[in-house]
Amino acid sequence: MSTSPLTDRSVSISEFRRNPRAAVEAGEGAAVAVIGDGKPVFYCVPTETYESMLRQLDDLELIATVIDRQNDPEFPITPDHL
């Protein structure tokens, strides 16, 4: 695991335990690193940010599939095939 946070915002694990919602809101939509023993333990993100990240990952997978299939041989399809 990384020893430095991959975000500009962080809170201690004890701060997070006291008020998780405040920790997430302090991130202003960005990920917040929760720090324990001097290193990131986990990241918390608001729902909208997480959903956006998942959509972007889906898009990247689709792009990779398209690129992978670009050189596949073509074959004719007629209405009889449907």
Protein backbone atom coordinates (compact mmCIF):
# COMPACT_ATOMS: atom_id res chain seq x y z
CA MET A 1 0.00 0.00 0.00
CA SER A 2 1.10 3.53 -0.71
CA THR A 3 2.56 5.47 2.21
CA SER A 4 1.48 8.90 0.96
CA PRO A 5 -2.13 9.79 0.17
CA LEU A 6 -3.21 9.99 -3.44
CA THR A 7 -5.41 12.98 -2.67
CA ASP A 8 -4.94 16.47 -1.25
CA ARG A 9 -7.50 15.89 1.50
CA SER A 10 -7.02 13.65 4.50
CA VAL A 11 -8.36 13.05 8.00
CA SER A 12 -7.17 10.90 10.85
CA ILE A 13 -9.04 7.70 11.49
CA SER A 14 -10.15 9.06 14.89
CA GLU A 15 -11.61 12.19 13.19
CA PHE A 16 -13.38 9.94 10.72
CA ARG A 17 -14.85 7.81 13.53
CA ARG A 18 -16.13 10.90 15.33
CA ASN A 19 -17.95 12.31 12.32
CA PRO A 20 -17.75 10.36 9.04
CA ARG A 21 -20.14 12.67 7.21
CA ALA A 22 -18.05 15.76 8.06
CA ALA A 23 -14.96 13.97 6.75
CA VAL A 24 -16.64 13.22 3.43
CA GLU A 25 -18.06 16.73 3.15
CA ALA A 26 -14.60 18.21 3.84
CA GLY A 27 -13.48 16.60 0.61
CA GLU A 28 -15.88 18.82 -1.36
CA GLY A 29 -16.60 16.02 -3.82
CA ALA A 30 -13.07 14.65 -3.94
CA ALA A 31 -11.69 11.55 -2.26
CA VAL A 32 -10.55 11.87 1.34
CA ALA A 33 -7.71 9.70 2.62
CA VAL A 34 -8.33 8.29 6.08
CA ILE A 35 -4.97 8.11 7.83
CA GLY A 36 -4.00 5.59 10.49
CA ASP A 37 -0.48 5.00 11.81
CA GLY A 38 0.81 7.70 9.47
CA LYS A 39 -0.39 6.13 6.22
CA PRO A 40 -3.63 5.89 4.24
CA VAL A 41 -5.88 3.13 5.54
CA PHE A 42 -8.69 3.74 3.04
CA TYR A 43 -10.27 6.42 0.92
CA CYS A 44 -13.83 7.63 1.22
CA VAL A 45 -15.66 9.34 -1.61
CA PRO A 46 -19.12 10.85 -1.95
CA THR A 47 -21.73 8.78 -3.77
CA GLU A 48 -21.71 10.98 -6.88
CA THR A 49 -17.92 10.73 -7.20
CA TYR A 50 -17.96 6.96 -6.77
CA GLU A 51 -20.70 6.55 -9.39
CA SER A 52 -18.76 8.78 -11.78
CA MET A 53 -15.62 6.68 -11.23
CA LEU A 54 -17.55 3.48 -12.03
CA ARG A 55 -18.99 5.01 -15.22
CA GLN A 56 -15.50 6.04 -16.31
CA LEU A 57 -14.16 2.54 -15.65
CA ASP A 58 -17.03 1.07 -17.70
CA ASP A 59 -16.19 3.46 -20.54
CA LEU A 60 -12.53 2.44 -20.44
CA GLU A 61 -13.49 -1.23 -20.62
CA LEU A 62 -15.74 -0.53 -23.62
CA ILE A 63 -12.96 1.40 -25.34
CA ALA A 64 -10.55 -1.49 -24.74
CA THR A 65 -13.11 -3.92 -26.22
CA VAL A 66 -13.58 -1.74 -29.31
CA ILE A 67 -9.82 -1.45 -29.83
CA ASP A 68 -9.41 -5.18 -29.31
CA ARG A 69 -12.10 -5.97 -31.89
CA GLN A 70 -11.04 -3.38 -34.49
CA ASN A 71 -9.01 -5.89 -36.46
CA ASP A 72 -11.49 -8.76 -36.22
CA PRO A 73 -12.48 -10.12 -39.63
CA GLU A 74 -15.73 -8.76 -40.97
CA PHE A 75 -18.49 -11.01 -42.19
CA PRO A 76 -21.68 -10.07 -44.02
CA ILE A 77 -24.95 -10.12 -42.14
CA THR A 78 -28.22 -10.33 -44.00
CA PRO A 79 -31.73 -9.94 -42.61
CA ASP A 80 -32.00 -13.76 -42.77
CA HIS A 81 -29.33 -13.98 -40.05
CA LEU A 82 -31.51 -11.97 -37.70
